[in-house]
Amino acid sequence: MPGSLTISHHEAAVVLDHTDAARLATVLAELAYLLEIPGPNRINEAQLAVLCEGRTPDRAELSRWSRALATELKDRL
């Protein structure tokens, strides 16, 4: 929910509400799944480019990152 996330550019911890962390973990796991699957529901190359924010698109790296972060969040809940 809006306001439940605090991020600072200083050496401060990032705080995320429990409910939002669970939801974010689910979204990240689904993103990894959509990056990995073949077929029409797969995230396409144009979408991948947007997700990589100008970096060279790397489907496998983004999938690994998403799945690892989802797992870490779920483990901490």
PDB file of N, CA and C in Angstrom:
ATOM      1  N   MET A   1       0.837  -1.176   0.000  1.00  0.00           N
ATOM      2  CA  MET A   1       0.000   0.000   0.000  1.00  0.00           C
ATOM      3  C   MET A   1       0.880   1.236   0.000  1.00  0.00           C
ATOM      4  N   PRO A   2       0.399   2.333  -0.549  1.00  0.00           N
ATOM      5  CA  PRO A   2       1.195   3.563  -0.552  1.00  0.00           C
ATOM      6  C   PRO A   2       1.605   3.963   0.849  1.00  0.00           C
ATOM      7  N   GLY A   3       2.852   4.339   0.980  1.00  0.00           N
ATOM      8  CA  GLY A   3       3.355   4.778   2.260  1.00  0.00           C
ATOM      9  C   GLY A   3       3.969   3.687   3.116  1.00  0.00           C
ATOM     10  N   SER A   4       3.902   2.443   2.672  1.00  0.00           N
ATOM     11  CA  SER A   4       4.442   1.370   3.503  1.00  0.00           C
ATOM     12  C   SER A   4       5.886   1.045   3.164  1.00  0.00           C
ATOM     13  N   LEU A   5       6.472   1.757   2.230  1.00  0.00           N
ATOM     14  CA  LEU A   5       7.844   1.509   1.812  1.00  0.00           C
ATOM     15  C   LEU A   5       8.667   2.762   2.043  1.00  0.00           C
ATOM     16  N   THR A   6       9.805   2.592   2.691  1.00  0.00           N
ATOM     17  CA  THR A   6      10.711   3.706   2.925  1.00  0.00           C
ATOM     18  C   THR A   6      12.063   3.345   2.339  1.00  0.00           C
ATOM     19  N   ILE A   7      12.548   4.162   1.415  1.00  0.00           N
ATOM     20  CA  ILE A   7      13.861   3.948   0.813  1.00  0.00           C
ATOM     21  C   ILE A   7      14.639   5.254   0.925  1.00  0.00           C
ATOM     22  N   SER A   8      15.885   5.142   1.283  1.00  0.00           N
ATOM     23  CA  SER A   8      16.728   6.317   1.418  1.00  0.00           C
ATOM     24  C   SER A   8      18.011   6.110   0.624  1.00  0.00           C
ATOM     25  N   HIS A   9      18.573   7.178   0.140  1.00  0.00           N
ATOM     26  CA  HIS A   9      19.847   7.101  -0.563  1.00  0.00           C
ATOM     27  C   HIS A   9      21.018   7.122   0.416  1.00  0.00           C
ATOM     28  N   HIS A  10      20.694   7.164   1.669  1.00  0.00           N
ATOM     29  CA  HIS A  10      21.713   7.135   2.713  1.00  0.00           C
ATOM     30  C   HIS A  10      21.823   5.722   3.252  1.00  0.00           C
ATOM     31  N   GLU A  11      22.688   5.505   4.193  1.00  0.00           N
ATOM     32  CA  GLU A  11      22.906   4.176   4.745  1.00  0.00           C
ATOM     33  C   GLU A  11      21.808   3.822   5.739  1.00  0.00           C
ATOM     34  N   ALA A  12      20.591   3.724   5.238  1.00  0.00           N
ATOM     35  CA  ALA A  12      19.446   3.378   6.075  1.00  0.00           C
ATOM     36  C   ALA A  12      18.781   2.127   5.517  1.00  0.00           C
ATOM     37  N   ALA A  13      18.147   1.395   6.391  1.00  0.00           N
ATOM     38  CA  ALA A  13      17.466   0.176   5.972  1.00  0.00           C
ATOM     39  C   ALA A  13      16.215   0.512   5.172  1.00  0.00           C
ATOM     40  N   VAL A  14      15.874  -0.383   4.290  1.00  0.00           N
ATOM     41  CA  VAL A  14      14.623  -0.276   3.558  1.00  0.00           C
ATOM     42  C   VAL A  14      13.568  -1.019   4.363  1.00  0.00           C
ATOM     43  N   VAL A  15      12.440  -0.393   4.557  1.00  0.00           N
ATOM     44  CA  VAL A  15      11.367  -0.982   5.346  1.00  0.00           C
ATOM     45  C   VAL A  15      10.171  -1.204   4.437  1.00  0.00           C
ATOM     46  N   LEU A  16       9.611  -2.412   4.514  1.00  0.00           N
ATOM     47  CA  LEU A  16       8.466  -2.773   3.689  1.00  0.00           C
ATOM     48  C   LEU A  16       7.446  -3.475   4.576  1.00  0.00           C
ATOM     49  N   ASP A  17       6.217  -3.032   4.528  1.00  0.00           N
ATOM     50  CA  ASP A  17       5.132  -3.640   5.282  1.00  0.00           C
ATOM     51  C   ASP A  17       5.024  -5.129   4.952  1.00  0.00           C
ATOM     52  N   HIS A  18       4.670  -5.957   5.930  1.00  0.00           N
ATOM     53  CA  HIS A  18       4.585  -7.414   5.751  1.00  0.00           C
ATOM     54  C   HIS A  18       3.679  -7.784   4.592  1.00  0.00           C
ATOM     55  N   THR A  19       2.502  -7.195   4.529  1.00  0.00           N
ATOM     56  CA  THR A  19       1.554  -7.507   3.460  1.00  0.00           C
ATOM     57  C   THR A  19       2.118  -7.131   2.099  1.00  0.00           C
ATOM     58  N   ASP A  20       2.761  -5.970   2.024  1.00  0.00           N
ATOM     59  CA  ASP A  20       3.359  -5.542   0.760  1.00  0.00           C
ATOM     60  C   ASP A  20       4.536  -6.428   0.369  1.00  0.00           C
ATOM     61  N   ALA A  21       5.313  -6.868   1.350  1.00  0.00           N
ATOM     62  CA  ALA A  21       6.435  -7.763   1.060  1.00  0.00           C
ATOM     63  C   ALA A  21       5.938  -9.082   0.493  1.00  0.00           C
ATOM     64  N   ALA A  22       4.864  -9.607   1.061  1.00  0.00           N
ATOM     65  CA  ALA A  22       4.290 -10.859   0.543  1.00  0.00           C
ATOM     66  C   ALA A  22       3.780 -10.667  -0.873  1.00  0.00           C
ATOM     67  N   ARG A  23       3.131  -9.547  -1.106  1.00  0.00           N
ATOM     68  CA  ARG A  23       2.605  -9.261  -2.455  1.00  0.00           C
ATOM     69  C   ARG A  23       3.743  -9.076  -3.451  1.00  0.00           C
ATOM     70  N   LEU A  24       4.792  -8.351  -3.057  1.00  0.00           N
ATOM     71  CA  LEU A  24       5.940  -8.141  -3.933  1.00  0.00           C
ATOM     72  C   LEU A  24       6.630  -9.463  -4.249  1.00  0.00           C
ATOM     73  N   ALA A  25       6.749 -10.349  -3.276  1.00  0.00           N
ATOM     74  CA  ALA A  25       7.352 -11.663  -3.502  1.00  0.00           C
ATOM     75  C   ALA A  25       6.562 -12.443  -4.550  1.00  0.00           C
ATOM     76  N   THR A  26       5.243 -12.369  -4.475  1.00  0.00           N
ATOM     77  CA  THR A  26       4.393 -13.052  -5.455  1.00  0.00           C
ATOM     78  C   THR A  26       4.579 -12.454  -6.844  1.00  0.00           C
ATOM     79  N   VAL A  27       4.628 -11.137  -6.931  1.00  0.00           N
ATOM     80  CA  VAL A  27       4.814 -10.459  -8.221  1.00  0.00           C
ATOM     81  C   VAL A  27       6.167 -10.827  -8.825  1.00  0.00           C
ATOM     82  N   LEU A  28       7.214 -10.832  -8.008  1.00  0.00           N
ATOM     83  CA  LEU A  28       8.544 -11.174  -8.509  1.00  0.00           C
ATOM     84  C   LEU A  28       8.625 -12.624  -8.976  1.00  0.00           C
ATOM     85  N   ALA A  29       7.986 -13.532  -8.244  1.00  0.00           N
ATOM     86  CA  ALA A  29       7.969 -14.937  -8.658  1.00  0.00           C
ATOM     87  C   ALA A  29       7.208 -15.091  -9.976  1.00  0.00           C
ATOM     88  N   GLU A  30       6.112 -14.381 -10.126  1.00  0.00           N
ATOM     89  CA  GLU A  30       5.335 -14.436 -11.374  1.00  0.00           C
ATOM     90  C   GLU A  30       6.127 -13.837 -12.533  1.00  0.00           C
ATOM     91  N   LEU A  31       6.865 -12.753 -12.275  1.00  0.00           N
ATOM     92  CA  LEU A  31       7.716 -12.160 -13.300  1.00  0.00           C
ATOM     93  C   LEU A  31       8.745 -13.178 -13.779  1.00  0.00           C
ATOM     94  N   ALA A  32       9.401 -13.863 -12.841  1.00  0.00           N
ATOM     95  CA  ALA A  32      10.386 -14.878 -13.211  1.00  0.00           C
ATOM     96  C   ALA A  32       9.739 -15.954 -14.077  1.00  0.00           C
ATOM     97  N   TYR A  33       8.561 -16.391 -13.678  1.00  0.00           N
ATOM     98  CA  TYR A  33       7.828 -17.410 -14.440  1.00  0.00           C
ATOM     99  C   TYR A  33       7.540 -16.924 -15.863  1.00  0.00           C
ATOM    100  N   LEU A  34       7.055 -15.696 -15.989  1.00  0.00           N
ATOM    101  CA  LEU A  34       6.715 -15.160 -17.311  1.00  0.00           C
ATOM    102  C   LEU A  34       7.946 -14.912 -18.180  1.00  0.00           C
ATOM    103  N   LEU A  35       9.087 -14.733 -17.559  1.00  0.00           N
ATOM    104  CA  LEU A  35      10.333 -14.608 -18.313  1.00  0.00           C
ATOM    105  C   LEU A  35      10.806 -15.965 -18.826  1.00  0.00           C
ATOM    106  N   GLU A  36      10.503 -17.018 -18.091  1.00  0.00           N
ATOM    107  CA  GLU A  36      11.042 -18.342 -18.386  1.00  0.00           C
ATOM    108  C   GLU A  36      10.196 -19.171 -19.353  1.00  0.00           C
ATOM    109  N   ILE A  37       8.890 -18.995 -19.324  1.00  0.00           N
ATOM    110  CA  ILE A  37       8.021 -19.882 -20.104  1.00  0.00           C
ATOM    111  C   ILE A  37       8.087 -19.586 -21.596  1.00  0.00           C
ATOM    112  N   PRO A  38       7.874 -20.599 -22.414  1.00  0.00           N
ATOM    113  CA  PRO A  38       7.736 -20.360 -23.855  1.00  0.00           C
ATOM    114  C   PRO A  38       6.274 -20.018 -24.165  1.00  0.00           C
ATOM    115  N   GLY A  39       6.042 -19.516 -25.346  1.00  0.00           N
ATOM    116  CA  GLY A  39       4.669 -19.321 -25.791  1.00  0.00           C
ATOM    117  C   GLY A  39       4.191 -17.888 -25.729  1.00  0.00           C
ATOM    118  N   PRO A  40       2.903 -17.695 -26.003  1.00  0.00           N
ATOM    119  CA  PRO A  40       2.350 -16.353 -26.149  1.00  0.00           C
ATOM    120  C   PRO A  40       2.254 -15.564 -24.842  1.00  0.00           C
ATOM    121  N   ASN A  41       2.284 -16.214 -23.711  1.00  0.00           N
ATOM    122  CA  ASN A  41       2.200 -15.504 -22.431  1.00  0.00           C
ATOM    123  C   ASN A  41       3.559 -15.060 -21.902  1.00  0.00           C
ATOM    124  N   ARG A  42       4.618 -15.459 -22.580  1.00  0.00           N
ATOM    125  CA  ARG A  42       5.989 -15.082 -22.202  1.00  0.00           C
ATOM    126  C   ARG A  42       6.170 -13.578 -22.357  1.00  0.00           C
ATOM    127  N   ILE A  43       6.927 -12.978 -21.482  1.00  0.00           N
ATOM    128  CA  ILE A  43       7.265 -11.564 -21.629  1.00  0.00           C
ATOM    129  C   ILE A  43       8.075 -11.422 -22.914  1.00  0.00           C
ATOM    130  N   ASN A  44       7.622 -10.529 -23.796  1.00  0.00           N
ATOM    131  CA  ASN A  44       8.285 -10.400 -25.093  1.00  0.00           C
ATOM    132  C   ASN A  44       9.536  -9.519 -24.994  1.00  0.00           C
ATOM    133  N   GLU A  45      10.242  -9.417 -26.091  1.00  0.00           N
ATOM    134  CA  GLU A  45      11.526  -8.699 -26.097  1.00  0.00           C
ATOM    135  C   GLU A  45      11.355  -7.206 -25.811  1.00  0.00           C
ATOM    136  N   ALA A  46      10.289  -6.602 -26.306  1.00  0.00           N
ATOM    137  CA  ALA A  46      10.057  -5.177 -26.044  1.00  0.00           C
ATOM    138  C   ALA A  46       9.777  -4.952 -24.557  1.00  0.00           C
ATOM    139  N   GLN A  47       8.986  -5.817 -23.955  1.00  0.00           N
ATOM    140  CA  GLN A  47       8.706  -5.715 -22.526  1.00  0.00           C
ATOM    141  C   GLN A  47       9.977  -5.955 -21.707  1.00  0.00           C
ATOM    142  N   LEU A  48      10.777  -6.905 -22.141  1.00  0.00           N
ATOM    143  CA  LEU A  48      12.042  -7.201 -21.468  1.00  0.00           C
ATOM    144  C   LEU A  48      12.955  -5.982 -21.494  1.00  0.00           C
ATOM    145  N   ALA A  49      13.018  -5.317 -22.637  1.00  0.00           N
ATOM    146  CA  ALA A  49      13.864  -4.123 -22.764  1.00  0.00           C
ATOM    147  C   ALA A  49      13.428  -3.034 -21.780  1.00  0.00           C
ATOM    148  N   VAL A  50      12.132  -2.855 -21.618  1.00  0.00           N
ATOM    149  CA  VAL A  50      11.621  -1.862 -20.669  1.00  0.00           C
ATOM    150  C   VAL A  50      12.001  -2.257 -19.240  1.00  0.00           C
ATOM    151  N   LEU A  51      11.849  -3.530 -18.910  1.00  0.00           N
ATOM    152  CA  LEU A  51      12.182  -4.000 -17.568  1.00  0.00           C
ATOM    153  C   LEU A  51      13.669  -3.851 -17.249  1.00  0.00           C
ATOM    154  N   CYS A  52      14.497  -3.872 -18.271  1.00  0.00           N
ATOM    155  CA  CYS A  52      15.952  -3.756 -18.065  1.00  0.00           C
ATOM    156  C   CYS A  52      16.414  -2.304 -18.045  1.00  0.00           C
ATOM    157  N   GLU A  53      15.511  -1.373 -18.196  1.00  0.00           N
ATOM    158  CA  GLU A  53      15.783   0.063 -18.054  1.00  0.00           C
ATOM    159  C   GLU A  53      17.008   0.556 -18.815  1.00  0.00           C
ATOM    160  N   GLY A  54      17.120   0.211 -20.063  1.00  0.00           N
ATOM    161  CA  GLY A  54      18.208   0.713 -20.887  1.00  0.00           C
ATOM    162  C   GLY A  54      19.463  -0.139 -20.875  1.00  0.00           C
ATOM    163  N   ARG A  55      19.565  -1.074 -19.923  1.00  0.00           N
ATOM    164  CA  ARG A  55      20.699  -1.999 -19.938  1.00  0.00           C
ATOM    165  C   ARG A  55      20.456  -3.028 -21.023  1.00  0.00           C
ATOM    166  N   THR A  56      21.479  -3.739 -21.415  1.00  0.00           N
ATOM    167  CA  THR A  56      21.322  -4.807 -22.391  1.00  0.00           C
ATOM    168  C   THR A  56      20.370  -5.852 -21.820  1.00  0.00           C
ATOM    169  N   PRO A  57      19.265  -6.130 -22.523  1.00  0.00           N
ATOM    170  CA  PRO A  57      18.304  -7.111 -21.993  1.00  0.00           C
ATOM    171  C   PRO A  57      18.943  -8.487 -21.785  1.00  0.00           C
ATOM    172  N   ASP A  58      18.745  -9.028 -20.616  1.00  0.00           N
ATOM    173  CA  ASP A  58      19.265 -10.344 -20.274  1.00  0.00           C
ATOM    174  C   ASP A  58      18.163 -11.102 -19.543  1.00  0.00           C
ATOM    175  N   ARG A  59      17.398 -11.866 -20.298  1.00  0.00           N
ATOM    176  CA  ARG A  59      16.242 -12.588 -19.776  1.00  0.00           C
ATOM    177  C   ARG A  59      16.626 -13.505 -18.614  1.00  0.00           C
ATOM    178  N   ALA A  60      17.694 -14.267 -18.774  1.00  0.00           N
ATOM    179  CA  ALA A  60      18.092 -15.228 -17.742  1.00  0.00           C
ATOM    180  C   ALA A  60      18.510 -14.520 -16.460  1.00  0.00           C
ATOM    181  N   GLU A  61      19.251 -13.432 -16.577  1.00  0.00           N
ATOM    182  CA  GLU A  61      19.708 -12.698 -15.394  1.00  0.00           C
ATOM    183  C   GLU A  61      18.524 -12.087 -14.657  1.00  0.00           C
ATOM    184  N   LEU A  62      17.594 -11.484 -15.383  1.00  0.00           N
ATOM    185  CA  LEU A  62      16.434 -10.871 -14.749  1.00  0.00           C
ATOM    186  C   LEU A  62      15.558 -11.930 -14.084  1.00  0.00           C
ATOM    187  N   SER A  63      15.428 -13.069 -14.722  1.00  0.00           N
ATOM    188  CA  SER A  63      14.656 -14.163 -14.152  1.00  0.00           C
ATOM    189  C   SER A  63      15.303 -14.657 -12.855  1.00  0.00           C
ATOM    190  N   ARG A  64      16.613 -14.874 -12.874  1.00  0.00           N
ATOM    191  CA  ARG A  64      17.333 -15.326 -11.666  1.00  0.00           C
ATOM    192  C   ARG A  64      17.191 -14.302 -10.538  1.00  0.00           C
ATOM    193  N   TRP A  65      17.364 -13.031 -10.874  1.00  0.00           N
ATOM    194  CA  TRP A  65      17.276 -11.961  -9.886  1.00  0.00           C
ATOM    195  C   TRP A  65      15.875 -11.917  -9.278  1.00  0.00           C
ATOM    196  N   SER A  66      14.864 -11.975 -10.119  1.00  0.00           N
ATOM    197  CA  SER A  66      13.474 -11.922  -9.646  1.00  0.00           C
ATOM    198  C   SER A  66      13.154 -13.106  -8.742  1.00  0.00           C
ATOM    199  N   ARG A  67      13.541 -14.297  -9.172  1.00  0.00           N
ATOM    200  CA  ARG A  67      13.253 -15.495  -8.388  1.00  0.00           C
ATOM    201  C   ARG A  67      14.019 -15.479  -7.064  1.00  0.00           C
ATOM    202  N   ALA A  68      15.282 -15.061  -7.083  1.00  0.00           N
ATOM    203  CA  ALA A  68      16.085 -15.014  -5.854  1.00  0.00           C
ATOM    204  C   ALA A  68      15.518 -14.002  -4.871  1.00  0.00           C
ATOM    205  N   LEU A  69      15.117 -12.843  -5.347  1.00  0.00           N
ATOM    206  CA  LEU A  69      14.563 -11.823  -4.468  1.00  0.00           C
ATOM    207  C   LEU A  69      13.208 -12.265  -3.908  1.00  0.00           C
ATOM    208  N   ALA A  70      12.387 -12.914  -4.747  1.00  0.00           N
ATOM    209  CA  ALA A  70      11.101 -13.440  -4.283  1.00  0.00           C
ATOM    210  C   ALA A  70      11.330 -14.464  -3.174  1.00  0.00           C
ATOM    211  N   THR A  71      12.283 -15.335  -3.367  1.00  0.00           N
ATOM    212  CA  THR A  71      12.599 -16.353  -2.366  1.00  0.00           C
ATOM    213  C   THR A  71      13.089 -15.725  -1.073  1.00  0.00           C
ATOM    214  N   GLU A  72      13.967 -14.741  -1.185  1.00  0.00           N
ATOM    215  CA  GLU A  72      14.494 -14.072   0.010  1.00  0.00           C
ATOM    216  C   GLU A  72      13.377 -13.384   0.785  1.00  0.00           C
ATOM    217  N   LEU A  73      12.498 -12.697   0.066  1.00  0.00           N
ATOM    218  CA  LEU A  73      11.377 -12.036   0.734  1.00  0.00           C
ATOM    219  C   LEU A  73      10.487 -13.049   1.439  1.00  0.00           C
ATOM    220  N   LYS A  74      10.137 -14.136   0.741  1.00  0.00           N
ATOM    221  CA  LYS A  74       9.268 -15.154   1.337  1.00  0.00           C
ATOM    222  C   LYS A  74       9.924 -15.786   2.566  1.00  0.00           C
ATOM    223  N   ASP A  75      11.242 -15.990   2.513  1.00  0.00           N
ATOM    224  CA  ASP A  75      11.949 -16.583   3.642  1.00  0.00           C
ATOM    225  C   ASP A  75      11.949 -15.676   4.870  1.00  0.00           C
ATOM    226  N   ARG A  76      11.846 -14.379   4.642  1.00  0.00           N
ATOM    227  CA  ARG A  76      11.878 -13.423   5.749  1.00  0.00           C
ATOM    228  C   ARG A  76      10.491 -13.107   6.303  1.00  0.00           C
ATOM    229  N   LEU A  77       9.459 -13.597   5.659  1.00  0.00           N
ATOM    230  CA  LEU A  77       8.089 -13.302   6.125  1.00  0.00           C
ATOM    231  C   LEU A  77       7.720 -14.160   7.311  1.00  0.00           C
TER     232      LEU A  77
END
